[in-house]
Amino acid sequence: MCRIMLFMATNLKLDDRLIAEAVKAGGHKTKQAAVNAAIAEYVARRNRLRILELEGKIGFRPDWDYKKMRGKR
């Protein structure tokens, strides 16, 4: 998998107290590192929540033999 990282300058008004708390809580060396980690965690959490939306929408077959399908390539 290839990942392309794009960076852009951003001017945001952020709560200094929250940023300082995030830096300390995460053991980050910079505010930027703390914000990037927080955004990454937010995105990961949202993606996990999307998976939960699939509950009840995917059929389950207890007789499915996944090992049998492995041999058919």
PDB file of N, CA and C in Angstrom:
ATOM      1  N   MET A   1       0.841  -1.168   0.000  1.00  0.00           N
ATOM      2  CA  MET A   1       0.000   0.000   0.000  1.00  0.00           C
ATOM      3  C   MET A   1       0.890   1.235   0.000  1.00  0.00           C
ATOM      4  N   CYS A   2       0.582   2.171  -0.850  1.00  0.00           N
ATOM      5  CA  CYS A   2       1.363   3.393  -0.970  1.00  0.00           C
ATOM      6  C   CYS A   2       0.576   4.549  -0.353  1.00  0.00           C
ATOM      7  N   ARG A   3       1.221   5.280   0.523  1.00  0.00           N
ATOM      8  CA  ARG A   3       0.572   6.429   1.136  1.00  0.00           C
ATOM      9  C   ARG A   3       1.280   7.695   0.696  1.00  0.00           C
ATOM     10  N   ILE A   4       0.504   8.674   0.289  1.00  0.00           N
ATOM     11  CA  ILE A   4       1.054   9.965  -0.082  1.00  0.00           C
ATOM     12  C   ILE A   4       0.653  10.944   1.003  1.00  0.00           C
ATOM     13  N   MET A   5       1.625  11.586   1.580  1.00  0.00           N
ATOM     14  CA  MET A   5       1.360  12.543   2.655  1.00  0.00           C
ATOM     15  C   MET A   5       1.370  13.956   2.063  1.00  0.00           C
ATOM     16  N   LEU A   6       0.302  14.667   2.276  1.00  0.00           N
ATOM     17  CA  LEU A   6       0.210  16.039   1.828  1.00  0.00           C
ATOM     18  C   LEU A   6       0.126  16.939   3.058  1.00  0.00           C
ATOM     19  N   PHE A   7       0.871  17.989   3.047  1.00  0.00           N
ATOM     20  CA  PHE A   7       0.869  18.911   4.165  1.00  0.00           C
ATOM     21  C   PHE A   7       0.427  20.280   3.680  1.00  0.00           C
ATOM     22  N   MET A   8      -0.369  20.935   4.485  1.00  0.00           N
ATOM     23  CA  MET A   8      -0.781  22.273   4.130  1.00  0.00           C
ATOM     24  C   MET A   8      -0.730  23.155   5.370  1.00  0.00           C
ATOM     25  N   ALA A   9      -0.378  24.398   5.158  1.00  0.00           N
ATOM     26  CA  ALA A   9      -0.369  25.348   6.253  1.00  0.00           C
ATOM     27  C   ALA A   9      -1.816  25.640   6.635  1.00  0.00           C
ATOM     28  N   THR A  10      -2.064  25.647   7.938  1.00  0.00           N
ATOM     29  CA  THR A  10      -3.416  25.866   8.423  1.00  0.00           C
ATOM     30  C   THR A  10      -3.381  26.866   9.557  1.00  0.00           C
ATOM     31  N   ASN A  11      -4.291  27.784   9.528  1.00  0.00           N
ATOM     32  CA  ASN A  11      -4.385  28.774  10.591  1.00  0.00           C
ATOM     33  C   ASN A  11      -5.655  28.477  11.381  1.00  0.00           C
ATOM     34  N   LEU A  12      -5.489  27.940  12.579  1.00  0.00           N
ATOM     35  CA  LEU A  12      -6.626  27.563  13.408  1.00  0.00           C
ATOM     36  C   LEU A  12      -6.541  28.249  14.764  1.00  0.00           C
ATOM     37  N   LYS A  13      -7.685  28.602  15.287  1.00  0.00           N
ATOM     38  CA  LYS A  13      -7.736  29.109  16.657  1.00  0.00           C
ATOM     39  C   LYS A  13      -8.072  27.923  17.541  1.00  0.00           C
ATOM     40  N   LEU A  14      -7.090  27.473  18.300  1.00  0.00           N
ATOM     41  CA  LEU A  14      -7.266  26.303  19.149  1.00  0.00           C
ATOM     42  C   LEU A  14      -7.158  26.704  20.615  1.00  0.00           C
ATOM     43  N   ASP A  15      -7.817  25.948  21.457  1.00  0.00           N
ATOM     44  CA  ASP A  15      -7.790  26.180  22.894  1.00  0.00           C
ATOM     45  C   ASP A  15      -6.403  25.806  23.423  1.00  0.00           C
ATOM     46  N   ASP A  16      -5.640  26.799  23.864  1.00  0.00           N
ATOM     47  CA  ASP A  16      -4.269  26.561  24.328  1.00  0.00           C
ATOM     48  C   ASP A  16      -4.219  25.560  25.478  1.00  0.00           C
ATOM     49  N   ARG A  17      -5.209  25.607  26.360  1.00  0.00           N
ATOM     50  CA  ARG A  17      -5.237  24.687  27.498  1.00  0.00           C
ATOM     51  C   ARG A  17      -5.396  23.247  27.010  1.00  0.00           C
ATOM     52  N   LEU A  18      -6.294  23.044  26.044  1.00  0.00           N
ATOM     53  CA  LEU A  18      -6.499  21.690  25.511  1.00  0.00           C
ATOM     54  C   LEU A  18      -5.273  21.183  24.761  1.00  0.00           C
ATOM     55  N   ILE A  19      -4.650  22.065  24.019  1.00  0.00           N
ATOM     56  CA  ILE A  19      -3.440  21.674  23.281  1.00  0.00           C
ATOM     57  C   ILE A  19      -2.347  21.267  24.259  1.00  0.00           C
ATOM     58  N   ALA A  20      -2.141  22.070  25.290  1.00  0.00           N
ATOM     59  CA  ALA A  20      -1.117  21.754  26.290  1.00  0.00           C
ATOM     60  C   ALA A  20      -1.428  20.421  26.967  1.00  0.00           C
ATOM     61  N   GLU A  21      -2.703  20.186  27.247  1.00  0.00           N
ATOM     62  CA  GLU A  21      -3.113  18.932  27.868  1.00  0.00           C
ATOM     63  C   GLU A  21      -2.869  17.747  26.932  1.00  0.00           C
ATOM     64  N   ALA A  22      -3.158  17.944  25.644  1.00  0.00           N
ATOM     65  CA  ALA A  22      -2.942  16.884  24.657  1.00  0.00           C
ATOM     66  C   ALA A  22      -1.462  16.572  24.496  1.00  0.00           C
ATOM     67  N   VAL A  23      -0.635  17.596  24.482  1.00  0.00           N
ATOM     68  CA  VAL A  23       0.813  17.406  24.364  1.00  0.00           C
ATOM     69  C   VAL A  23       1.314  16.582  25.545  1.00  0.00           C
ATOM     70  N   LYS A  24       0.863  16.953  26.729  1.00  0.00           N
ATOM     71  CA  LYS A  24       1.295  16.266  27.940  1.00  0.00           C
ATOM     72  C   LYS A  24       0.750  14.837  27.986  1.00  0.00           C
ATOM     73  N   ALA A  25      -0.539  14.669  27.712  1.00  0.00           N
ATOM     74  CA  ALA A  25      -1.175  13.352  27.792  1.00  0.00           C
ATOM     75  C   ALA A  25      -0.561  12.364  26.809  1.00  0.00           C
ATOM     76  N   GLY A  26      -0.216  12.845  25.622  1.00  0.00           N
ATOM     77  CA  GLY A  26       0.332  11.965  24.597  1.00  0.00           C
ATOM     78  C   GLY A  26       1.837  11.861  24.625  1.00  0.00           C
ATOM     79  N   GLY A  27       2.475  12.674  25.464  1.00  0.00           N
ATOM     80  CA  GLY A  27       3.930  12.668  25.509  1.00  0.00           C
ATOM     81  C   GLY A  27       4.555  13.196  24.231  1.00  0.00           C
ATOM     82  N   HIS A  28       3.841  14.098  23.571  1.00  0.00           N
ATOM     83  CA  HIS A  28       4.325  14.656  22.307  1.00  0.00           C
ATOM     84  C   HIS A  28       5.342  15.755  22.571  1.00  0.00           C
ATOM     85  N   LYS A  29       6.204  15.966  21.596  1.00  0.00           N
ATOM     86  CA  LYS A  29       7.228  17.002  21.727  1.00  0.00           C
ATOM     87  C   LYS A  29       6.753  18.341  21.187  1.00  0.00           C
ATOM     88  N   THR A  30       5.750  18.303  20.299  1.00  0.00           N
ATOM     89  CA  THR A  30       5.269  19.544  19.703  1.00  0.00           C
ATOM     90  C   THR A  30       3.747  19.573  19.692  1.00  0.00           C
ATOM     91  N   LYS A  31       3.220  20.786  19.548  1.00  0.00           N
ATOM     92  CA  LYS A  31       1.774  20.952  19.411  1.00  0.00           C
ATOM     93  C   LYS A  31       1.288  20.278  18.133  1.00  0.00           C
ATOM     94  N   GLN A  32       2.076  20.416  17.081  1.00  0.00           N
ATOM     95  CA  GLN A  32       1.712  19.819  15.800  1.00  0.00           C
ATOM     96  C   GLN A  32       1.582  18.308  15.925  1.00  0.00           C
ATOM     97  N   ALA A  33       2.512  17.679  16.621  1.00  0.00           N
ATOM     98  CA  ALA A  33       2.457  16.229  16.799  1.00  0.00           C
ATOM     99  C   ALA A  33       1.203  15.834  17.572  1.00  0.00           C
ATOM    100  N   ALA A  34       0.853  16.624  18.585  1.00  0.00           N
ATOM    101  CA  ALA A  34      -0.342  16.332  19.381  1.00  0.00           C
ATOM    102  C   ALA A  34      -1.603  16.472  18.544  1.00  0.00           C
ATOM    103  N   VAL A  35      -1.681  17.513  17.736  1.00  0.00           N
ATOM    104  CA  VAL A  35      -2.869  17.731  16.902  1.00  0.00           C
ATOM    105  C   VAL A  35      -2.977  16.636  15.846  1.00  0.00           C
ATOM    106  N   ASN A  36      -1.875  16.281  15.211  1.00  0.00           N
ATOM    107  CA  ASN A  36      -1.905  15.218  14.204  1.00  0.00           C
ATOM    108  C   ASN A  36      -2.334  13.890  14.824  1.00  0.00           C
ATOM    109  N   ALA A  37      -1.834  13.581  16.015  1.00  0.00           N
ATOM    110  CA  ALA A  37      -2.228  12.340  16.690  1.00  0.00           C
ATOM    111  C   ALA A  37      -3.712  12.366  17.034  1.00  0.00           C
ATOM    112  N   ALA A  38      -4.198  13.512  17.497  1.00  0.00           N
ATOM    113  CA  ALA A  38      -5.615  13.632  17.853  1.00  0.00           C
ATOM    114  C   ALA A  38      -6.506  13.451  16.625  1.00  0.00           C
ATOM    115  N   ILE A  39      -6.118  14.033  15.522  1.00  0.00           N
ATOM    116  CA  ILE A  39      -6.905  13.893  14.292  1.00  0.00           C
ATOM    117  C   ILE A  39      -6.889  12.445  13.811  1.00  0.00           C
ATOM    118  N   ALA A  40      -5.731  11.799  13.888  1.00  0.00           N
ATOM    119  CA  ALA A  40      -5.629  10.396  13.472  1.00  0.00           C
ATOM    120  C   ALA A  40      -6.523   9.510  14.338  1.00  0.00           C
ATOM    121  N   GLU A  41      -6.532   9.756  15.648  1.00  0.00           N
ATOM    122  CA  GLU A  41      -7.398   8.982  16.541  1.00  0.00           C
ATOM    123  C   GLU A  41      -8.869   9.234  16.230  1.00  0.00           C
ATOM    124  N   TYR A  42      -9.218  10.469  15.937  1.00  0.00           N
ATOM    125  CA  TYR A  42     -10.597  10.824  15.598  1.00  0.00           C
ATOM    126  C   TYR A  42     -11.058  10.074  14.343  1.00  0.00           C
ATOM    127  N   VAL A  43     -10.226  10.088  13.323  1.00  0.00           N
ATOM    128  CA  VAL A  43     -10.566   9.417  12.062  1.00  0.00           C
ATOM    129  C   VAL A  43     -10.688   7.909  12.289  1.00  0.00           C
ATOM    130  N   ALA A  44      -9.757   7.317  13.039  1.00  0.00           N
ATOM    131  CA  ALA A  44      -9.813   5.881  13.310  1.00  0.00           C
ATOM    132  C   ALA A  44     -11.088   5.528  14.069  1.00  0.00           C
ATOM    133  N   ARG A  45     -11.454   6.341  15.034  1.00  0.00           N
ATOM    134  CA  ARG A  45     -12.670   6.082  15.814  1.00  0.00           C
ATOM    135  C   ARG A  45     -13.908   6.167  14.928  1.00  0.00           C
ATOM    136  N   ARG A  46     -13.965   7.178  14.077  1.00  0.00           N
ATOM    137  CA  ARG A  46     -15.108   7.314  13.180  1.00  0.00           C
ATOM    138  C   ARG A  46     -15.213   6.126  12.230  1.00  0.00           C
ATOM    139  N   ASN A  47     -14.072   5.634  11.755  1.00  0.00           N
ATOM    140  CA  ASN A  47     -14.080   4.469  10.870  1.00  0.00           C
ATOM    141  C   ASN A  47     -14.582   3.223  11.600  1.00  0.00           C
ATOM    142  N   ARG A  48     -14.193   3.077  12.866  1.00  0.00           N
ATOM    143  CA  ARG A  48     -14.703   1.942  13.652  1.00  0.00           C
ATOM    144  C   ARG A  48     -16.209   2.057  13.848  1.00  0.00           C
ATOM    145  N   LEU A  49     -16.704   3.255  14.070  1.00  0.00           N
ATOM    146  CA  LEU A  49     -18.138   3.453  14.249  1.00  0.00           C
ATOM    147  C   LEU A  49     -18.903   3.100  12.973  1.00  0.00           C
ATOM    148  N   ARG A  50     -18.309   3.382  11.811  1.00  0.00           N
ATOM    149  CA  ARG A  50     -18.949   3.023  10.544  1.00  0.00           C
ATOM    150  C   ARG A  50     -19.091   1.512  10.413  1.00  0.00           C
ATOM    151  N   ILE A  51     -18.121   0.774  10.927  1.00  0.00           N
ATOM    152  CA  ILE A  51     -18.189  -0.689  10.876  1.00  0.00           C
ATOM    153  C   ILE A  51     -19.371  -1.178  11.709  1.00  0.00           C
ATOM    154  N   LEU A  52     -19.621  -0.535  12.843  1.00  0.00           N
ATOM    155  CA  LEU A  52     -20.731  -0.943  13.699  1.00  0.00           C
ATOM    156  C   LEU A  52     -22.082  -0.761  13.008  1.00  0.00           C
ATOM    157  N   GLU A  53     -22.152   0.157  12.055  1.00  0.00           N
ATOM    158  CA  GLU A  53     -23.399   0.373  11.321  1.00  0.00           C
ATOM    159  C   GLU A  53     -23.778  -0.838  10.463  1.00  0.00           C
ATOM    160  N   LEU A  54     -22.836  -1.727  10.224  1.00  0.00           N
ATOM    161  CA  LEU A  54     -23.099  -2.912   9.415  1.00  0.00           C
ATOM    162  C   LEU A  54     -23.805  -4.018  10.197  1.00  0.00           C
ATOM    163  N   GLU A  55     -23.934  -3.827  11.501  1.00  0.00           N
ATOM    164  CA  GLU A  55     -24.579  -4.853  12.325  1.00  0.00           C
ATOM    165  C   GLU A  55     -25.970  -5.184  11.781  1.00  0.00           C
ATOM    166  N   GLY A  56     -26.205  -6.475  11.576  1.00  0.00           N
ATOM    167  CA  GLY A  56     -27.487  -6.934  11.081  1.00  0.00           C
ATOM    168  C   GLY A  56     -27.658  -6.836   9.576  1.00  0.00           C
ATOM    169  N   LYS A  57     -26.674  -6.292   8.877  1.00  0.00           N
ATOM    170  CA  LYS A  57     -26.780  -6.120   7.429  1.00  0.00           C
ATOM    171  C   LYS A  57     -25.974  -7.161   6.654  1.00  0.00           C
ATOM    172  N   ILE A  58     -25.167  -7.917   7.347  1.00  0.00           N
ATOM    173  CA  ILE A  58     -24.330  -8.926   6.702  1.00  0.00           C
ATOM    174  C   ILE A  58     -24.843 -10.296   7.107  1.00  0.00           C
ATOM    175  N   GLY A  59     -25.117 -11.119   6.103  1.00  0.00           N
ATOM    176  CA  GLY A  59     -25.632 -12.455   6.372  1.00  0.00           C
ATOM    177  C   GLY A  59     -24.569 -13.365   6.960  1.00  0.00           C
ATOM    178  N   PHE A  60     -24.975 -14.233   7.841  1.00  0.00           N
ATOM    179  CA  PHE A  60     -24.073 -15.183   8.480  1.00  0.00           C
ATOM    180  C   PHE A  60     -24.549 -16.587   8.169  1.00  0.00           C
ATOM    181  N   ARG A  61     -23.633 -17.401   7.656  1.00  0.00           N
ATOM    182  CA  ARG A  61     -23.963 -18.796   7.354  1.00  0.00           C
ATOM    183  C   ARG A  61     -23.083 -19.694   8.216  1.00  0.00           C
ATOM    184  N   PRO A  62     -23.653 -20.331   9.221  1.00  0.00           N
ATOM    185  CA  PRO A  62     -22.847 -21.179  10.098  1.00  0.00           C
ATOM    186  C   PRO A  62     -22.248 -22.385   9.368  1.00  0.00           C
ATOM    187  N   ASP A  63     -22.802 -22.760   8.222  1.00  0.00           N
ATOM    188  CA  ASP A  63     -22.295 -23.910   7.481  1.00  0.00           C
ATOM    189  C   ASP A  63     -21.193 -23.536   6.485  1.00  0.00           C
ATOM    190  N   TRP A  64     -20.819 -22.262   6.401  1.00  0.00           N
ATOM    191  CA  TRP A  64     -19.808 -21.809   5.441  1.00  0.00           C
ATOM    192  C   TRP A  64     -18.450 -22.420   5.776  1.00  0.00           C
ATOM    193  N   ASP A  65     -17.813 -23.014   4.798  1.00  0.00           N
ATOM    194  CA  ASP A  65     -16.515 -23.649   4.992  1.00  0.00           C
ATOM    195  C   ASP A  65     -15.445 -22.796   4.323  1.00  0.00           C
ATOM    196  N   TYR A  66     -14.860 -21.886   5.094  1.00  0.00           N
ATOM    197  CA  TYR A  66     -13.859 -20.987   4.521  1.00  0.00           C
ATOM    198  C   TYR A  66     -12.589 -21.737   4.107  1.00  0.00           C
ATOM    199  N   LYS A  67     -12.287 -22.826   4.762  1.00  0.00           N
ATOM    200  CA  LYS A  67     -11.103 -23.596   4.390  1.00  0.00           C
ATOM    201  C   LYS A  67     -11.257 -24.217   3.009  1.00  0.00           C
ATOM    202  N   LYS A  68     -12.451 -24.616   2.697  1.00  0.00           N
ATOM    203  CA  LYS A  68     -12.734 -25.194   1.382  1.00  0.00           C
ATOM    204  C   LYS A  68     -12.502 -24.157   0.280  1.00  0.00           C
ATOM    205  N   MET A  69     -12.876 -22.918   0.522  1.00  0.00           N
ATOM    206  CA  MET A  69     -12.710 -21.854  -0.468  1.00  0.00           C
ATOM    207  C   MET A  69     -11.255 -21.474  -0.675  1.00  0.00           C
ATOM    208  N   ARG A  70     -10.408 -21.681   0.329  1.00  0.00           N
ATOM    209  CA  ARG A  70      -9.000 -21.322   0.197  1.00  0.00           C
ATOM    210  C   ARG A  70      -8.307 -22.085  -0.923  1.00  0.00           C
ATOM    211  N   GLY A  71      -8.713 -23.310  -1.135  1.00  0.00           N
ATOM    212  CA  GLY A  71      -8.083 -24.151  -2.156  1.00  0.00           C
ATOM    213  C   GLY A  71      -8.472 -23.788  -3.571  1.00  0.00           C
ATOM    214  N   LYS A  72      -9.505 -22.975  -3.742  1.00  0.00           N
ATOM    215  CA  LYS A  72      -9.985 -22.615  -5.075  1.00  0.00           C
ATOM    216  C   LYS A  72      -9.398 -21.289  -5.515  1.00  0.00           C
ATOM    217  N   ARG A  73      -8.194 -21.322  -6.029  1.00  0.00           N
ATOM    218  CA  ARG A  73      -7.571 -20.084  -6.514  1.00  0.00           C
ATOM    219  C   ARG A  73      -7.204 -20.181  -7.942  1.00  0.00           C
TER     220      ARG A  73
END
